[in-house]
Structure formats: C-alpha cells, structure tokens
Amino acid sequence: MAEKIDMIDTSIPQEMLSMLETYPDPAVLLSSDYKILATNDIYRRTYDDVSMAQRHCYEVSHHYDKPCDLMGESCPMKRCIETGKVQRVFHLHHTCHGEEHVDVELYPVASSSGNTQYFLEVMRYSKLASPRPGGVALVGRSARFTETLGLIERVAPSETTVLLLGESGTGKELMAQAVHKGSQRSQGPFVPVECSGLTETLFESELFGHEKGAFTGANNRKTGLVESAAGGTLFLDEIGDIPLPQQVKLLRLLETGTYRRVGGVETLKANFRLVCATHRNLAQQVTDGEFRMDLYYRINAFPIDLPALRDRIDDIPLLIENLLPLFAGERSLTMSPDAISCLKKYHFPGNVRELRNILERACLLVDDMIIEPEHLPAQCQQASHWQADSVQQTEQLRQMNVLSPIPFHQVEKHYLQWAWQQLNGDKKQLAALLDVSERTLYRKLKQFSIC
C-alpha cells in the first residue's frame, strides 16, 4: 500500500512525489532555502503529525530557528548545494518518541534542464544506540559519542574489518556488539575472544580447535572459536596482546580465509566478519617490533577511536540514569545534583567501567533514596575540591598579576608540589588523577625532590 503524501507545494511534478512513496523511512522534499515542500506519511507520524506548511526542516527535526550549520552542527544542505553530490550526516532529531539518533541522507534532484531544483532527505533511525536511558546498553548524546556512533552505523552493514581503539573501560565490546547487530550477520553468533588471556600453547587450540589425540589430554575433537563464529562476527579483544609467533598464524587465517584444526589435515573454510579492539598503540608496537606490520594493515581497514569518559562528560547524567537501576534493586534511587557535579569533575581513568563500580558502591552505601557526594569514593570527592581550589588559586594569582610565562619545567614542578600537598602525599590517588603510572609519578617526584 502506497504511503500517503503530504504535498504542500502543488507545483511539484508527480514523479517527484512518486519518489517519496518508495521509501519505507521518513522522507521529505525540500527547497534550497530549507522549506518543506512535501512529506510522506511516516515522516509526519514520526514528527507527531505536525503541520508542515511554510516550515523549515531544521524547525521540525532540531527545534532550531536557524539552519544546522549556524547552530554548530554539520548541515548536509549547504554541502549538497556546493558539490551537487549526495551528502550523509549523523544527527540527533526530536521526534514524537523523544530524541533519536538519525542517519540523514540528502539527494540533489535535478529538473528537466539538469539544474538542481529540489532536495530529497531520507532519515533512518538508529537501532544500535539511544540518547535516552533504558532499553539499550549503548547510550549517549554528546558530540563525541554521536560522532563515533555515526562511524559504527556507516561500517556495520559492510563486511569491512573494524578496529576499535580506546582506553580500557570505554565500551569496546559494546561497540563491537553494535557493529554485529547492524550487520548482515546479525542473526549469526557473536563470538568474543579475550586475546590477552590466551597463552602461546592455547592460542591455536582455542582459535582453530583440535582433533582427538592431537596432543596429550586431547581426548575429543574440539570446535575452535573461528568455527563457532561461522555466519557471524569474531571479536578479537586486546589483539595487541597476541604474541608475535601467533600473529603470523592469525594473518594466514585472515589472508587465505582457511585454517586447520591442531592435529588435523583437512583445510576448513572460515566464514566470519572480523572486529578487533585494543587499548594499545598498535602503530608504536609496529615501530618497536612488537606487532607485525602486515597484520596491522590487514586489521586497520576501518579504525574507530572510542572517546574516554572525560571526553564525553555531558553523557555522565544519562549514563547514571541508565546504570543505576542495575544496582538499585527494588529501590528507585536517584543521584543529587551535587553528586553528579562531583562526578563530572572527576577524571575517570577507568572510564565507564569505573563509573559502574562507583554507582554499585554508592547503591550499597546509601540508606535514603538519594545518592549524595559522601556516598562517592574519596578520589571523586577530592577531585571536586581540587578543581575548586585550583580555580580559586588561579584567580588569586591573576589578581596578584603574577600569571606571566615561566619555563615549562618550573610549571611542572610547582604543579606537582601543589597536587602533592592537596592529596597529602597519596601517590596512588595522585597517579590516578594525573592519568600516569605510579612509576612515572615516582620518577617525577624524585626529579623535583618533592619526596
């Protein structure tokens, strides 16, 4: 059944309207000045059946009074007009269900004379993540999160190998699951492999399986993880930890698409989509001779940098709201504005994983229904006081007119002296807040004779 077309401009040719009927997603025909000329029925339902007459696309989807590019966002219309080519962006849109992540594609539509006359905008809403709490594990609405999700949405439908890069605790496995969910293999298995836990002797057996009698203790044939991932996705977590001798065997698997069980002679065909992840700097490992260059370029087809939690601070209230019910049990716990403010000032060296632990601990400590700053770990409370003291001292220095350039090593020394006093000589806590190892911190403290 054809969708009902809402035509605002009666001069639009019938063939233009017919295009809208072919899209199962929200679609709208626009003029070059952002005015809505015609919409399909699903577009109007998505935006709560509001009147589209004389309205602009940015009014309906963003609730802006100016085009997106004037509000700090990427606008496909401007670029489409400049290039005459299809444009694709990833945005947050207001819908009748609340805000949604949406993949927007804008097509220039030429008239019979060959000049661009209209613009067809098609919107596909993400099923991989949400800007609202509840329903899905992957949530966020900050600019960095949205940018990362846009890359996931682009690469997921393909067979391209994905390399997820990010600090420990940034949610690399959740992102890998999102790639799998958005792929053509979503009905197949998702098989995670923790590479850092595989010894050299276990690597081949776990990955490729083994035949009965292949080695002492091999009493039965074992199916390997590559075979288990047939028709689905193989996720190699912490691939940077694979020993060099085993990297060549993994490379052969990826290059030929074939493998043999340990102790077997039959060549088996692999059938999986590969997603890798690591917190290490693989390029540096290649330079240091710790990672094969050919394997690096084989898995580095589509690298995605996952943001640390400190780079998406605006997502902390949303993450709290999404995670608290996991630990609150039957209680309807909330977090006070002061406690949220305290967490937003914390550095989170452990990222989202650390936030989960902090919330779980707070749920055990709170007796009332509201989590306050005193229910948070000492390092979180200290970070809040530390930042406040830093602002106050900076203002005092400014008033004294002593903020003039000085050598960098002096700045570092004075800063460490001040931080050391603020934390009462707690090396572990100071190292965590400065995001360096305790060994590095100890060397710096000795260098400046602070301890």
Protein backbone atom coordinates (compact mmCIF):
# COMPACT_ATOMS: atom_id res chain seq x y z
CA MET A 1 0.00 0.00 0.00
CA ALA A 2 1.46 3.35 -1.03
CA GLU A 3 2.14 5.86 1.71
CA LYS A 4 0.05 8.98 1.83
CA ILE A 5 1.94 12.03 0.53
CA ASP A 6 1.51 15.38 2.24
CA MET A 7 2.06 17.89 -0.60
CA ILE A 8 2.49 21.49 0.46
CA ASP A 9 3.72 22.89 -2.87
CA THR A 10 1.18 21.97 -5.60
CA SER A 11 3.63 22.79 -8.41
CA ILE A 12 5.80 19.74 -7.66
CA PRO A 13 5.78 17.24 -10.58
CA GLN A 14 4.11 13.90 -9.91
CA GLU A 15 7.36 11.99 -10.48
CA MET A 16 8.93 13.91 -7.62
CA LEU A 17 6.12 12.82 -5.32
CA SER A 18 6.42 9.24 -6.51
CA MET A 19 9.94 9.09 -5.13
CA LEU A 20 8.65 9.74 -1.63
CA GLU A 21 6.29 6.78 -1.93
CA THR A 22 9.18 4.37 -2.45
CA TYR A 23 10.88 5.00 0.90
CA PRO A 24 9.92 2.98 4.00
CA ASP A 25 11.68 5.58 6.16
CA PRO A 26 10.75 9.22 6.84
CA ALA A 27 11.32 11.21 3.66
CA VAL A 28 10.81 14.86 2.80
CA LEU A 29 11.25 17.03 -0.28
CA LEU A 30 13.00 20.35 0.41
CA SER A 31 13.74 23.59 -1.39
CA SER A 32 17.22 25.13 -1.34
CA ASP A 33 16.11 27.51 1.43
CA TYR A 34 15.28 24.55 3.73
CA LYS A 35 11.49 24.80 3.27
CA ILE A 36 9.44 21.60 3.40
CA LEU A 37 7.63 21.04 0.08
CA ALA A 38 6.23 17.53 0.54
CA THR A 39 6.46 14.67 3.03
CA ASN A 40 5.49 11.02 3.18
CA ASP A 41 3.13 9.69 5.82
CA ILE A 42 5.79 8.10 8.03
CA TYR A 43 7.63 11.43 8.23
CA ARG A 44 4.52 13.14 9.56
CA ARG A 45 3.84 10.31 12.01
CA THR A 46 7.43 10.45 13.25
CA TYR A 47 7.14 14.15 13.93
CA ASP A 48 3.75 13.84 15.60
CA ASP A 49 1.73 14.81 12.52
CA VAL A 50 2.55 18.50 12.93
CA SER A 51 1.59 20.94 10.21
CA MET A 52 4.48 21.25 7.75
CA ALA A 53 3.15 24.28 5.83
CA GLN A 54 5.78 27.03 5.45
CA ARG A 55 8.08 25.29 7.93
CA HIS A 56 11.79 24.60 7.62
CA CYS A 57 13.40 21.20 8.10
CA TYR A 58 15.57 22.44 10.96
CA GLU A 59 12.49 23.69 12.83
CA VAL A 60 10.84 20.28 12.74
CA SER A 61 13.82 17.99 13.34
CA HIS A 62 16.02 20.14 15.61
CA HIS A 63 13.65 22.79 17.02
CA TYR A 64 16.14 25.39 15.80
CA ASP A 65 15.28 28.82 14.43
CA LYS A 66 18.34 28.75 12.14
CA PRO A 67 19.95 26.17 9.81
CA CYS A 68 22.09 23.48 11.47
CA ASP A 69 25.41 24.89 10.29
CA LEU A 70 24.63 28.17 12.08
CA MET A 71 23.97 26.22 15.29
CA GLY A 72 27.29 24.39 15.39
CA GLU A 73 26.24 21.24 13.54
CA SER A 74 27.09 19.83 10.13
CA CYS A 75 24.34 20.65 7.63
CA PRO A 76 24.06 18.42 4.56
CA MET A 77 22.10 21.04 2.58
CA LYS A 78 24.93 23.57 2.34
CA ARG A 79 27.44 20.96 1.22
CA CYS A 80 24.96 19.39 -1.19
CA ILE A 81 24.37 22.75 -2.88
CA GLU A 82 28.13 23.38 -3.16
CA THR A 83 29.04 19.97 -4.60
CA GLY A 84 25.84 18.76 -6.26
CA LYS A 85 26.54 15.36 -4.65
CA VAL A 86 24.74 13.19 -2.13
CA GLN A 87 25.56 14.11 1.48
CA ARG A 88 25.27 11.99 4.62
CA VAL A 89 25.43 13.13 8.26
CA PHE A 90 24.54 11.70 11.66
CA HIS A 91 22.34 13.89 13.88
CA LEU A 92 20.10 13.96 16.91
CA HIS A 93 16.46 14.65 15.95
CA HIS A 94 13.39 15.48 18.02
CA THR A 95 10.59 13.00 17.30
CA CYS A 96 7.25 12.10 18.83
CA HIS A 97 9.12 9.46 20.88
CA GLY A 98 11.76 11.89 22.13
CA GLU A 99 15.23 12.47 20.74
CA GLU A 100 16.67 9.85 18.38
CA HIS A 101 19.97 9.27 16.63
CA VAL A 102 19.33 9.55 12.91
CA ASP A 103 21.37 8.87 9.80
CA VAL A 104 20.41 11.61 7.32
CA GLU A 105 20.97 11.30 3.56
CA LEU A 106 20.31 14.26 1.26
CA TYR A 107 20.00 13.79 -2.51
CA PRO A 108 20.01 16.61 -5.07
CA VAL A 109 17.10 16.22 -7.51
CA ALA A 110 17.61 17.79 -10.93
CA SER A 111 14.92 19.34 -13.12
CA SER A 112 14.50 18.53 -16.83
CA SER A 113 17.07 21.24 -17.60
CA GLY A 114 19.69 19.46 -15.49
CA ASN A 115 19.81 22.03 -12.69
CA THR A 116 19.21 21.05 -9.07
CA GLN A 117 15.65 22.01 -8.23
CA TYR A 118 14.76 20.01 -5.12
CA PHE A 119 16.47 18.09 -2.36
CA LEU A 120 15.26 14.70 -1.12
CA GLU A 121 16.06 13.98 2.52
CA VAL A 122 15.72 10.44 3.86
CA MET A 123 16.12 9.63 7.59
CA ARG A 124 16.99 6.25 9.07
CA TYR A 125 16.81 5.99 12.84
CA SER A 126 19.49 4.10 14.75
CA LYS A 127 18.62 0.78 16.33
CA LEU A 128 22.10 0.40 17.82
CA ALA A 129 22.09 3.12 20.50
CA SER A 130 19.84 5.65 22.19
CA PRO A 131 20.16 9.21 23.52
CA ARG A 132 17.66 8.25 26.25
CA PRO A 133 18.07 5.91 29.24
CA GLY A 134 16.55 2.44 29.23
CA GLY A 135 16.04 -0.14 26.53
CA VAL A 136 19.60 -0.47 25.20
CA ALA A 137 23.04 -0.84 26.77
CA LEU A 138 24.69 1.70 24.46
CA VAL A 139 23.56 5.23 25.37
CA GLY A 140 24.93 8.70 24.75
CA ARG A 141 24.14 12.05 23.21
CA SER A 142 27.40 14.02 23.44
CA ALA A 143 29.13 15.20 20.27
CA ARG A 144 31.98 12.69 20.62
CA PHE A 145 29.63 9.77 21.23
CA THR A 146 27.39 10.76 18.31
CA GLU A 147 30.41 11.06 16.02
CA THR A 148 31.58 7.56 17.00
CA LEU A 149 28.10 6.09 16.59
CA GLY A 150 27.87 7.64 13.12
CA LEU A 151 31.02 5.72 12.10
CA ILE A 152 29.60 2.50 13.56
CA GLU A 153 26.38 2.99 11.59
CA ARG A 154 28.36 3.50 8.37
CA VAL A 155 30.59 0.46 8.66
CA ALA A 156 28.20 -2.03 10.29
CA PRO A 157 26.28 -3.11 7.14
CA SER A 158 29.51 -3.91 5.27
CA GLU A 159 31.96 -6.81 5.65
CA THR A 160 34.87 -4.44 6.35
CA THR A 161 37.17 -5.31 9.25
CA VAL A 162 36.75 -2.83 12.13
CA LEU A 163 39.49 -1.86 14.60
CA LEU A 164 38.19 -0.28 17.81
CA LEU A 165 40.78 1.85 19.62
CA GLY A 166 40.33 3.24 23.10
CA GLU A 167 41.31 3.16 26.74
CA SER A 168 40.28 0.31 28.99
CA GLY A 169 36.67 0.66 30.09
CA THR A 170 35.43 2.75 27.14
CA GLY A 171 32.97 0.07 26.00
CA LYS A 172 34.84 -1.56 23.13
CA GLU A 173 32.89 -4.82 23.40
CA LEU A 174 29.56 -2.96 23.42
CA MET A 175 30.62 -1.13 20.26
CA ALA A 176 31.69 -4.45 18.70
CA GLN A 177 28.25 -5.88 19.51
CA ALA A 178 26.69 -2.82 17.87
CA VAL A 179 28.71 -3.49 14.70
CA HIS A 180 27.43 -7.08 14.75
CA LYS A 181 23.83 -6.03 15.42
CA GLY A 182 23.88 -3.61 12.48
CA SER A 183 25.44 -6.10 10.06
CA GLN A 184 24.01 -8.61 7.61
CA ARG A 185 25.29 -11.28 10.01
CA SER A 186 23.22 -10.13 12.99
CA GLN A 187 21.32 -13.45 13.09
CA GLY A 188 24.60 -15.32 13.40
CA PRO A 189 26.74 -15.74 16.53
CA PHE A 190 28.82 -13.02 18.15
CA VAL A 191 31.97 -14.74 19.44
CA PRO A 192 34.28 -12.68 21.69
CA VAL A 193 37.90 -13.79 22.16
CA GLU A 194 39.96 -12.32 25.01
CA CYS A 195 43.39 -12.39 23.37
CA SER A 196 45.30 -11.30 26.48
CA GLY A 197 44.14 -14.47 28.24
CA LEU A 198 45.45 -16.86 25.57
CA THR A 199 48.90 -18.34 26.09
CA GLU A 200 51.00 -19.34 23.08
CA THR A 201 50.23 -23.02 23.68
CA LEU A 202 46.48 -22.43 23.92
CA PHE A 203 46.16 -19.93 21.05
CA GLU A 204 45.86 -22.36 18.14
CA SER A 205 43.70 -24.85 20.02
CA GLU A 206 41.24 -22.19 21.19
CA LEU A 207 41.07 -20.37 17.88
CA PHE A 208 41.20 -23.27 15.41
CA GLY A 209 40.14 -26.23 17.54
CA HIS A 210 41.92 -29.60 17.66
CA GLU A 211 41.46 -33.18 16.63
CA LYS A 212 41.22 -36.06 19.06
CA GLY A 213 44.69 -37.18 20.06
CA ALA A 214 46.40 -34.07 18.70
CA PHE A 215 48.30 -33.70 21.99
CA THR A 216 48.31 -35.12 25.49
CA GLY A 217 44.89 -34.58 27.04
CA ALA A 218 43.08 -34.08 23.73
CA ASN A 219 40.58 -36.85 24.34
CA ASN A 220 37.93 -35.45 21.99
CA ARG A 221 37.70 -33.25 18.94
CA LYS A 222 37.23 -29.60 19.93
CA THR A 223 35.46 -26.94 17.89
CA GLY A 224 37.52 -23.74 17.72
CA LEU A 225 36.22 -20.21 18.11
CA VAL A 226 36.71 -19.48 14.39
CA GLU A 227 34.38 -22.36 13.56
CA SER A 228 31.93 -21.25 16.28
CA ALA A 229 31.74 -17.80 14.66
CA ALA A 230 30.63 -19.22 11.28
CA GLY A 231 27.99 -16.93 9.76
CA GLY A 232 28.54 -14.30 12.45
CA THR A 233 31.18 -12.00 13.94
CA LEU A 234 34.51 -12.88 15.54
CA PHE A 235 35.59 -10.23 18.06
CA LEU A 236 39.30 -10.28 18.95
CA ASP A 237 39.57 -8.16 22.10
CA GLU A 238 43.01 -6.79 23.03
CA ILE A 239 44.54 -8.02 19.79
CA GLY A 240 47.70 -6.08 20.66
CA ASP A 241 48.47 -8.71 23.33
CA ILE A 242 48.82 -11.61 20.85
CA PRO A 243 52.44 -12.90 20.93
CA LEU A 244 54.46 -12.39 17.75
CA PRO A 245 54.75 -16.14 16.90
CA GLN A 246 50.97 -16.43 16.90
CA GLN A 247 50.38 -13.27 14.86
CA VAL A 248 51.60 -14.95 11.67
CA LYS A 249 49.03 -17.74 12.14
CA LEU A 250 46.26 -15.19 12.58
CA LEU A 251 47.47 -13.33 9.49
CA ARG A 252 47.35 -16.51 7.43
CA LEU A 253 43.76 -17.09 8.54
CA LEU A 254 42.76 -13.57 7.53
CA GLU A 255 44.64 -13.63 4.21
CA THR A 256 43.52 -17.07 2.99
CA GLY A 257 40.21 -17.43 4.81
CA THR A 258 41.19 -21.01 5.66
CA TYR A 259 42.56 -22.90 8.66
CA ARG A 260 43.23 -26.39 10.01
CA ARG A 261 42.45 -27.80 13.42
CA VAL A 262 45.50 -28.66 15.52
CA GLY A 263 46.48 -32.20 14.57
CA GLY A 264 44.21 -32.15 11.51
CA VAL A 265 44.94 -32.28 7.78
CA GLU A 266 41.59 -31.06 6.43
CA THR A 267 41.57 -27.43 5.25
CA LEU A 268 38.46 -25.69 6.55
CA LYS A 269 36.86 -22.53 5.19
CA ALA A 270 36.37 -19.65 7.61
CA ASN A 271 33.17 -17.61 7.43
CA PHE A 272 33.13 -14.67 9.83
CA ARG A 273 33.24 -10.88 9.95
CA LEU A 274 36.20 -9.61 11.98
CA VAL A 275 36.09 -6.89 14.62
CA CYS A 276 39.23 -6.17 16.68
CA ALA A 277 39.90 -3.96 19.67
CA THR A 278 42.86 -2.79 21.70
CA HIS A 279 43.87 -0.16 24.24
CA ARG A 280 47.44 -0.26 22.93
CA ASN A 281 49.12 1.97 20.34
CA LEU A 282 49.49 -0.60 17.57
CA ALA A 283 51.41 1.77 15.28
CA GLN A 284 54.01 2.23 18.02
CA GLN A 285 54.10 -1.52 18.60
CA VAL A 286 54.87 -1.99 14.90
CA THR A 287 57.73 0.52 15.19
CA ASP A 288 59.02 -1.29 18.29
CA GLY A 289 58.85 -4.67 16.55
CA GLU A 290 56.14 -5.98 18.87
CA PHE A 291 53.38 -6.23 16.25
CA ARG A 292 53.61 -7.39 12.65
CA MET A 293 53.23 -4.60 10.12
CA ASP A 294 51.38 -6.82 7.63
CA LEU A 295 48.86 -7.88 10.29
CA TYR A 296 48.44 -4.28 11.42
CA TYR A 297 47.49 -3.11 7.94
CA ARG A 298 45.26 -6.15 7.48
CA ILE A 299 43.10 -5.27 10.53
CA ASN A 300 43.36 -1.48 10.23
CA ALA A 301 40.84 -1.17 7.39
CA PHE A 302 38.36 0.95 9.38
CA PRO A 303 39.80 2.25 12.68
CA ILE A 304 37.43 3.94 15.14
CA ASP A 305 38.68 5.90 18.15
CA LEU A 306 36.35 5.48 21.12
CA PRO A 307 36.18 8.56 23.37
CA ALA A 308 37.23 8.37 27.00
CA LEU A 309 34.53 9.24 29.52
CA ARG A 310 36.31 12.51 30.36
CA ASP A 311 35.82 13.48 26.69
CA ARG A 312 32.06 12.94 26.89
CA ILE A 313 31.30 14.48 30.29
CA ASP A 314 27.84 15.58 29.10
CA ASP A 315 26.86 11.89 28.92
CA ILE A 316 27.52 11.24 32.62
CA PRO A 317 23.97 12.11 33.86
CA LEU A 318 22.50 9.93 31.10
CA LEU A 319 24.83 7.03 31.93
CA ILE A 320 23.99 7.35 35.62
CA GLU A 321 20.27 7.23 34.87
CA ASN A 322 20.80 4.19 32.64
CA LEU A 323 23.09 2.27 35.02
CA LEU A 324 21.56 2.98 38.44
CA PRO A 325 18.60 0.57 38.04
CA LEU A 326 21.11 -2.27 37.53
CA PHE A 327 22.33 -1.92 41.12
CA ALA A 328 19.42 -0.27 42.94
CA GLY A 329 17.32 -3.42 43.18
CA GLU A 330 13.73 -2.55 44.03
CA ARG A 331 14.64 0.95 45.21
CA SER A 332 14.06 3.97 42.97
CA LEU A 333 17.39 5.61 43.66
CA THR A 334 18.45 8.93 42.19
CA MET A 335 21.62 10.99 42.40
CA SER A 336 21.68 14.52 43.73
CA PRO A 337 22.85 17.41 41.51
CA ASP A 338 25.87 17.89 43.85
CA ALA A 339 26.91 14.25 43.44
CA ILE A 340 26.53 14.46 39.65
CA SER A 341 28.57 17.67 39.63
CA CYS A 342 31.23 15.91 41.69
CA LEU A 343 31.46 13.04 39.18
CA LYS A 344 31.61 15.42 36.22
CA LYS A 345 34.78 16.93 37.70
CA TYR A 346 36.44 13.53 38.16
CA HIS A 347 38.98 12.29 35.60
CA PHE A 348 37.72 8.65 35.34
CA PRO A 349 40.91 6.79 34.45
CA GLY A 350 38.77 3.62 34.37
CA ASN A 351 36.11 5.23 32.14
CA VAL A 352 32.57 3.77 32.04
CA ARG A 353 33.67 0.58 33.79
CA GLU A 354 34.85 2.69 36.73
CA LEU A 355 31.58 4.65 36.73
CA ARG A 356 29.66 1.34 37.02
CA ASN A 357 31.77 0.37 40.04
CA ILE A 358 31.25 3.76 41.66
CA LEU A 359 27.48 3.52 41.23
CA GLU A 360 27.36 -0.05 42.53
CA ARG A 361 29.30 1.01 45.63
CA ALA A 362 27.09 4.08 46.16
CA CYS A 363 23.94 1.94 45.99
CA LEU A 364 25.29 -0.19 48.85
CA LEU A 365 26.23 2.83 50.98
CA VAL A 366 23.11 4.98 50.61
CA ASP A 367 20.39 4.45 53.21
CA ASP A 368 18.00 7.04 51.82
CA MET A 369 16.78 7.28 48.21
CA ILE A 370 19.25 9.94 47.05
CA ILE A 371 22.96 9.39 46.44
CA GLU A 372 24.99 12.31 47.78
CA PRO A 373 28.69 13.21 47.37
CA GLU A 374 29.56 11.46 50.65
CA HIS A 375 28.49 8.14 49.09
CA LEU A 376 31.12 8.51 46.38
CA PRO A 377 34.76 7.33 46.66
CA ALA A 378 37.28 9.71 48.21
CA GLN A 379 39.07 10.33 44.91
CA CYS A 380 35.84 11.65 43.36
CA GLN A 381 35.17 13.98 46.27
CA GLN A 382 38.80 15.09 46.29
CA ALA A 383 38.73 15.83 42.56
CA SER A 384 35.81 18.20 43.12
CA HIS A 385 37.58 20.06 45.94
CA TRP A 386 40.83 20.01 43.99
CA GLN A 387 39.25 21.68 40.96
CA ALA A 388 37.56 24.31 43.15
CA ASP A 389 40.85 25.05 44.92
CA SER A 390 42.64 25.27 41.58
CA VAL A 391 40.14 27.83 40.26
CA GLN A 392 40.44 29.86 43.47
CA GLN A 393 44.24 29.85 43.41
CA THR A 394 44.32 30.80 39.73
CA GLU A 395 42.03 33.75 40.44
CA GLN A 396 44.25 34.82 43.33
CA LEU A 397 47.33 34.70 41.09
CA ARG A 398 45.52 36.69 38.43
CA GLN A 399 44.62 39.37 40.95
CA MET A 400 48.26 39.49 42.07
CA ASN A 401 49.25 39.91 38.41
CA VAL A 402 51.84 37.10 38.54
CA LEU A 403 50.48 34.97 35.70
CA SER A 404 53.42 35.53 33.37
CA PRO A 405 55.22 32.92 31.23
CA ILE A 406 57.83 30.80 33.05
CA PRO A 407 59.90 27.78 31.91
CA PHE A 408 57.83 24.62 31.45
CA HIS A 409 59.84 22.50 33.94
CA GLN A 410 59.07 25.09 36.64
CA VAL A 411 55.37 24.93 35.86
CA GLU A 412 55.52 21.13 36.15
CA LYS A 413 57.42 21.30 39.44
CA HIS A 414 55.08 23.86 41.03
CA TYR A 415 52.02 21.94 39.85
CA LEU A 416 53.29 18.63 41.30
CA GLN A 417 54.20 20.32 44.59
CA TRP A 418 50.71 21.77 44.85
CA ALA A 419 48.98 18.50 43.87
CA TRP A 420 51.17 16.54 46.32
CA GLN A 421 50.08 18.81 49.16
CA GLN A 422 46.41 18.66 48.12
CA LEU A 423 46.38 14.83 48.29
CA ASN A 424 48.55 14.58 51.41
CA GLY A 425 51.19 12.53 49.64
CA ASP A 426 48.86 9.79 48.35
CA LYS A 427 50.87 8.52 45.34
CA LYS A 428 48.25 6.06 44.12
CA GLN A 429 45.43 8.61 44.11
CA LEU A 430 47.62 11.32 42.56
CA ALA A 431 48.76 9.00 39.78
CA ALA A 432 45.14 8.12 39.01
CA LEU A 433 44.06 11.76 38.88
CA LEU A 434 47.03 12.71 36.67
CA ASP A 435 46.43 9.65 34.44
CA VAL A 436 50.04 8.40 34.70
CA SER A 437 51.54 5.24 36.15
CA GLU A 438 52.77 5.27 39.75
CA ARG A 439 56.25 4.53 38.43
CA THR A 440 56.20 7.63 36.20
CA LEU A 441 54.86 9.75 39.06
CA TYR A 442 57.53 8.48 41.46
CA ARG A 443 60.27 9.37 38.94
CA LYS A 444 58.91 12.91 38.56
CA LEU A 445 58.62 13.39 42.32
CA LYS A 446 62.24 12.30 42.76
CA GLN A 447 63.36 14.53 39.88
CA PHE A 448 61.92 17.62 41.60
CA SER A 449 62.92 16.48 45.14
CA ILE A 450 59.29 16.57 46.25
CA CYS A 451 59.53 13.32 48.21
